[in-house]
Amino acid sequence: MAFAAAKYAYGICDICSQRYRLKTLQTQWDGIKACYECFDVKHPQLEAPHVRPDAEALLQPRPDVSVVPSAFTVYTNVGLGIIGTVLTTPTEMTASVGDVTITTT
């Protein structure tokens, strides 16, 4: 679609309602046609900040196998992984919380 050159065309400023040459009116960031006196640039706080994603994991991590944790050790019978110490003999564990009494009438 072809448009006219607007060489002699006039336009009205949307803010002050004065008549100006159409070529001198500028379009603001919110779509308003304004003259050079009323023209308002977009405030930087209206722009969304550039946010990069947080680094959540390391690329090819290597756990430290030379240090055995002294405060917390996990015992396992599954595999020979780095989780903790492998059990050599089967052990038995019992635990109790308390007594529960149920009375029905």
N, C-alpha and C. Protein backbone atom coordinates (compact mmCIF):
# COMPACT_ATOMS: atom_id res chain seq x y z
N MET A 1 0.85 -1.16 0.00
CA MET A 1 0.00 0.00 0.00
C MET A 1 0.90 1.23 0.00
N ALA A 2 0.55 2.19 -0.81
CA ALA A 2 1.34 3.41 -0.92
C ALA A 2 0.69 4.52 -0.10
N PHE A 3 1.51 5.33 0.51
CA PHE A 3 1.03 6.47 1.29
C PHE A 3 1.54 7.75 0.66
N ALA A 4 0.81 8.83 0.92
CA ALA A 4 1.24 10.14 0.43
C ALA A 4 2.45 10.60 1.23
N ALA A 5 3.18 11.54 0.69
CA ALA A 5 4.41 12.02 1.32
C ALA A 5 4.12 12.89 2.54
N ALA A 6 2.94 13.40 2.71
CA ALA A 6 2.54 14.27 3.82
C ALA A 6 3.43 15.49 3.91
N LYS A 7 3.79 16.02 2.75
CA LYS A 7 4.69 17.16 2.70
C LYS A 7 4.03 18.42 3.27
N TYR A 8 2.74 18.57 3.00
CA TYR A 8 2.02 19.76 3.46
C TYR A 8 0.93 19.41 4.47
N ALA A 9 0.95 18.20 5.00
CA ALA A 9 -0.12 17.76 5.89
C ALA A 9 0.13 18.27 7.31
N TYR A 10 -0.98 18.50 8.01
CA TYR A 10 -0.93 18.93 9.41
C TYR A 10 -1.49 17.83 10.31
N GLY A 11 -1.04 17.86 11.55
CA GLY A 11 -1.53 16.92 12.54
C GLY A 11 -1.73 17.64 13.87
N ILE A 12 -2.51 17.06 14.73
CA ILE A 12 -2.80 17.63 16.04
C ILE A 12 -2.03 16.83 17.11
N CYS A 13 -1.34 17.55 17.98
CA CYS A 13 -0.64 16.90 19.09
C CYS A 13 -1.69 16.34 20.04
N ASP A 14 -1.54 15.06 20.44
CA ASP A 14 -2.51 14.43 21.32
C ASP A 14 -2.45 14.95 22.74
N ILE A 15 -1.39 15.67 23.11
CA ILE A 15 -1.25 16.15 24.48
C ILE A 15 -1.69 17.60 24.61
N CYS A 16 -1.15 18.48 23.79
CA CYS A 16 -1.47 19.91 23.93
C CYS A 16 -2.51 20.40 22.91
N SER A 17 -2.92 19.56 21.99
CA SER A 17 -3.95 19.86 20.97
C SER A 17 -3.57 21.02 20.07
N GLN A 18 -2.30 21.29 19.85
CA GLN A 18 -1.84 22.30 18.92
C GLN A 18 -1.61 21.68 17.56
N ARG A 19 -1.69 22.49 16.52
CA ARG A 19 -1.50 22.02 15.16
C ARG A 19 -0.03 22.16 14.76
N TYR A 20 0.52 21.06 14.25
CA TYR A 20 1.91 21.02 13.80
C TYR A 20 1.97 20.31 12.46
N ARG A 21 3.09 20.46 11.80
CA ARG A 21 3.31 19.66 10.59
C ARG A 21 3.36 18.19 11.01
N LEU A 22 2.75 17.33 10.20
CA LEU A 22 2.66 15.91 10.54
C LEU A 22 4.03 15.27 10.61
N LYS A 23 4.97 15.76 9.81
CA LYS A 23 6.31 15.19 9.83
C LYS A 23 7.06 15.53 11.12
N THR A 24 6.67 16.60 11.81
CA THR A 24 7.36 16.97 13.03
C THR A 24 6.80 16.25 14.26
N LEU A 25 5.61 15.68 14.20
CA LEU A 25 5.04 14.94 15.32
C LEU A 25 5.77 13.62 15.49
N GLN A 26 6.06 13.28 16.73
CA GLN A 26 6.77 12.05 17.02
C GLN A 26 5.83 11.10 17.77
N THR A 27 5.99 9.82 17.51
CA THR A 27 5.18 8.82 18.20
C THR A 27 5.92 8.37 19.46
N GLN A 28 5.22 8.48 20.60
CA GLN A 28 5.82 8.06 21.87
C GLN A 28 5.74 6.56 22.01
N TRP A 29 6.31 6.04 23.10
CA TRP A 29 6.34 4.61 23.37
C TRP A 29 4.95 4.03 23.61
N ASP A 30 3.99 4.87 24.02
CA ASP A 30 2.62 4.39 24.27
C ASP A 30 1.69 4.65 23.11
N GLY A 31 2.22 5.09 21.95
CA GLY A 31 1.42 5.26 20.75
C GLY A 31 0.84 6.65 20.56
N ILE A 32 1.14 7.58 21.43
CA ILE A 32 0.61 8.95 21.34
C ILE A 32 1.49 9.75 20.39
N LYS A 33 0.84 10.53 19.50
CA LYS A 33 1.56 11.45 18.62
C LYS A 33 1.73 12.75 19.39
N ALA A 34 2.98 13.20 19.57
CA ALA A 34 3.24 14.40 20.37
C ALA A 34 4.22 15.31 19.64
N CYS A 35 4.12 16.61 19.96
CA CYS A 35 5.06 17.58 19.40
C CYS A 35 6.38 17.49 20.13
N TYR A 36 7.36 18.25 19.68
CA TYR A 36 8.69 18.16 20.28
C TYR A 36 8.69 18.69 21.72
N GLU A 37 7.77 19.60 22.07
CA GLU A 37 7.70 20.13 23.42
C GLU A 37 7.04 19.14 24.39
N CYS A 38 6.07 18.38 23.92
CA CYS A 38 5.33 17.46 24.78
C CYS A 38 5.88 16.04 24.75
N PHE A 39 6.83 15.79 23.87
CA PHE A 39 7.34 14.43 23.72
C PHE A 39 7.98 13.95 25.02
N ASP A 40 7.62 12.75 25.46
CA ASP A 40 8.12 12.18 26.70
C ASP A 40 8.74 10.82 26.40
N VAL A 41 9.99 10.66 26.81
CA VAL A 41 10.66 9.38 26.58
C VAL A 41 10.19 8.39 27.63
N LYS A 42 10.31 7.12 27.32
CA LYS A 42 9.90 6.07 28.25
C LYS A 42 10.88 6.00 29.42
N HIS A 43 10.34 5.98 30.62
CA HIS A 43 11.18 5.94 31.81
C HIS A 43 11.84 4.57 31.93
N PRO A 44 13.10 4.51 32.34
CA PRO A 44 13.80 3.22 32.42
C PRO A 44 13.16 2.23 33.39
N GLN A 45 12.43 2.71 34.41
CA GLN A 45 11.80 1.79 35.36
C GLN A 45 10.63 1.03 34.74
N LEU A 46 10.12 1.50 33.60
CA LEU A 46 9.04 0.78 32.92
C LEU A 46 9.55 -0.39 32.10
N GLU A 47 10.85 -0.44 31.89
CA GLU A 47 11.44 -1.56 31.15
C GLU A 47 11.67 -2.73 32.09
N ALA A 48 11.39 -3.91 31.65
CA ALA A 48 11.65 -5.09 32.45
C ALA A 48 13.15 -5.35 32.48
N PRO A 49 13.71 -5.66 33.65
CA PRO A 49 15.15 -5.92 33.70
C PRO A 49 15.51 -7.23 33.01
N HIS A 50 16.70 -7.28 32.48
CA HIS A 50 17.19 -8.50 31.84
C HIS A 50 17.61 -9.47 32.94
N VAL A 51 16.91 -10.57 33.05
CA VAL A 51 17.18 -11.55 34.10
C VAL A 51 17.72 -12.81 33.47
N ARG A 52 18.91 -13.21 33.92
CA ARG A 52 19.48 -14.45 33.43
C ARG A 52 19.06 -15.59 34.35
N PRO A 53 18.97 -16.80 33.84
CA PRO A 53 18.62 -17.92 34.71
C PRO A 53 19.74 -18.20 35.72
N ASP A 54 19.34 -18.66 36.89
CA ASP A 54 20.31 -19.00 37.92
C ASP A 54 21.03 -20.29 37.56
N ALA A 55 22.31 -20.33 37.87
CA ALA A 55 23.08 -21.55 37.67
C ALA A 55 22.71 -22.52 38.79
N GLU A 56 22.12 -23.64 38.46
CA GLU A 56 21.62 -24.55 39.47
C GLU A 56 22.51 -25.77 39.66
N ALA A 57 23.27 -26.14 38.68
CA ALA A 57 24.07 -27.35 38.80
C ALA A 57 25.43 -27.13 38.13
N LEU A 58 26.39 -27.89 38.57
CA LEU A 58 27.71 -27.85 37.98
C LEU A 58 27.78 -28.81 36.80
N LEU A 59 28.60 -28.47 35.83
CA LEU A 59 28.83 -29.35 34.70
C LEU A 59 29.85 -30.40 35.10
N GLN A 60 29.51 -31.66 35.02
CA GLN A 60 30.36 -32.80 35.37
C GLN A 60 30.98 -32.65 36.76
N PRO A 61 30.16 -32.69 37.81
CA PRO A 61 30.71 -32.54 39.16
C PRO A 61 31.50 -33.77 39.58
N ARG A 62 32.47 -33.57 40.42
CA ARG A 62 33.29 -34.66 40.94
C ARG A 62 33.24 -34.60 42.47
N PRO A 63 32.59 -35.57 43.12
CA PRO A 63 32.55 -35.54 44.59
C PRO A 63 33.91 -35.88 45.18
N ASP A 64 34.15 -35.34 46.35
CA ASP A 64 35.42 -35.57 47.03
C ASP A 64 35.35 -36.91 47.75
N VAL A 65 36.07 -37.90 47.24
CA VAL A 65 36.03 -39.24 47.83
C VAL A 65 37.11 -39.44 48.88
N SER A 66 38.01 -38.50 49.02
CA SER A 66 39.08 -38.67 49.99
C SER A 66 38.63 -38.35 51.41
N VAL A 67 37.57 -37.56 51.55
CA VAL A 67 37.09 -37.17 52.87
C VAL A 67 35.87 -38.02 53.22
N VAL A 68 35.94 -38.75 54.32
CA VAL A 68 34.81 -39.53 54.81
C VAL A 68 34.10 -38.67 55.84
N PRO A 69 32.82 -38.44 55.68
CA PRO A 69 32.12 -37.58 56.64
C PRO A 69 32.11 -38.22 58.03
N SER A 70 32.46 -37.44 59.04
CA SER A 70 32.54 -37.98 60.39
C SER A 70 31.24 -37.76 61.17
N ALA A 71 30.52 -36.71 60.87
CA ALA A 71 29.32 -36.40 61.63
C ALA A 71 28.13 -37.21 61.13
N PHE A 72 28.10 -37.56 59.87
CA PHE A 72 26.95 -38.25 59.30
C PHE A 72 27.44 -39.30 58.31
N THR A 73 27.17 -40.54 58.56
CA THR A 73 27.59 -41.62 57.67
C THR A 73 26.37 -42.46 57.32
N VAL A 74 26.21 -42.74 56.04
CA VAL A 74 25.10 -43.55 55.57
C VAL A 74 25.62 -44.96 55.32
N TYR A 75 24.98 -45.93 55.91
CA TYR A 75 25.36 -47.33 55.71
C TYR A 75 24.42 -47.95 54.68
N THR A 76 24.98 -48.69 53.77
CA THR A 76 24.18 -49.28 52.71
C THR A 76 24.71 -50.66 52.34
N ASN A 77 23.83 -51.50 51.84
CA ASN A 77 24.22 -52.80 51.30
C ASN A 77 24.12 -52.81 49.78
N VAL A 78 23.74 -51.72 49.19
CA VAL A 78 23.50 -51.65 47.75
C VAL A 78 24.71 -51.05 47.07
N GLY A 79 25.40 -51.82 46.27
CA GLY A 79 26.52 -51.31 45.48
C GLY A 79 27.69 -50.88 46.34
N LEU A 80 28.70 -50.39 45.69
CA LEU A 80 29.88 -49.89 46.39
C LEU A 80 30.05 -48.39 46.11
N GLY A 81 28.93 -47.68 46.12
CA GLY A 81 28.96 -46.27 45.77
C GLY A 81 29.63 -45.40 46.81
N ILE A 82 29.57 -44.12 46.60
CA ILE A 82 30.23 -43.16 47.45
C ILE A 82 29.27 -42.67 48.54
N ILE A 83 28.11 -43.30 48.66
CA ILE A 83 27.12 -42.85 49.63
C ILE A 83 27.66 -42.93 51.05
N GLY A 84 28.31 -43.99 51.40
CA GLY A 84 28.80 -44.12 52.76
C GLY A 84 29.61 -45.39 52.92
N THR A 85 29.44 -46.05 54.02
CA THR A 85 30.18 -47.26 54.33
C THR A 85 29.32 -48.47 54.04
N VAL A 86 29.91 -49.47 53.42
CA VAL A 86 29.18 -50.69 53.08
C VAL A 86 29.14 -51.60 54.31
N LEU A 87 27.97 -52.17 54.60
CA LEU A 87 27.83 -53.09 55.73
C LEU A 87 28.48 -54.43 55.38
N THR A 88 29.25 -54.94 56.29
CA THR A 88 29.91 -56.22 56.04
C THR A 88 29.08 -57.38 56.58
N THR A 89 28.38 -57.18 57.64
CA THR A 89 27.53 -58.23 58.20
C THR A 89 26.12 -57.69 58.33
N PRO A 90 25.13 -58.57 58.12
CA PRO A 90 23.76 -58.09 58.29
C PRO A 90 23.50 -57.71 59.75
N THR A 91 22.84 -56.62 59.94
CA THR A 91 22.53 -56.16 61.30
C THR A 91 21.03 -56.08 61.46
N GLU A 92 20.61 -56.03 62.69
CA GLU A 92 19.19 -55.99 62.99
C GLU A 92 18.93 -54.74 63.83
N MET A 93 17.80 -54.10 63.58
CA MET A 93 17.48 -52.89 64.31
C MET A 93 16.03 -52.97 64.78
N THR A 94 15.80 -52.56 65.99
CA THR A 94 14.44 -52.46 66.52
C THR A 94 14.27 -51.07 67.09
N ALA A 95 13.03 -50.59 67.01
CA ALA A 95 12.73 -49.27 67.54
C ALA A 95 11.32 -49.28 68.08
N SER A 96 11.05 -48.45 69.05
CA SER A 96 9.71 -48.35 69.59
C SER A 96 9.42 -46.89 69.91
N VAL A 97 8.17 -46.55 69.76
CA VAL A 97 7.76 -45.18 69.99
C VAL A 97 7.03 -45.08 71.33
N GLY A 98 6.17 -46.06 71.62
CA GLY A 98 5.41 -46.01 72.85
C GLY A 98 4.30 -47.04 72.78
N ASP A 99 3.40 -46.99 73.75
CA ASP A 99 2.28 -47.93 73.80
C ASP A 99 1.02 -47.23 73.33
N VAL A 100 0.19 -47.98 72.60
CA VAL A 100 -1.09 -47.45 72.13
C VAL A 100 -2.18 -48.33 72.74
N THR A 101 -3.13 -47.70 73.38
CA THR A 101 -4.24 -48.42 73.98
C THR A 101 -5.52 -47.99 73.29
N ILE A 102 -6.28 -48.97 72.77
CA ILE A 102 -7.55 -48.69 72.11
C ILE A 102 -8.66 -49.34 72.95
N THR A 103 -9.64 -48.56 73.35
CA THR A 103 -10.75 -49.06 74.14
C THR A 103 -12.03 -48.87 73.36
N THR A 104 -12.78 -49.95 73.19
CA THR A 104 -14.07 -49.85 72.50
C THR A 104 -15.16 -50.26 73.47
N THR A 105 -16.33 -49.67 73.37
CA THR A 105 -17.44 -50.04 74.24
C THR A 105 -18.64 -50.47 73.43
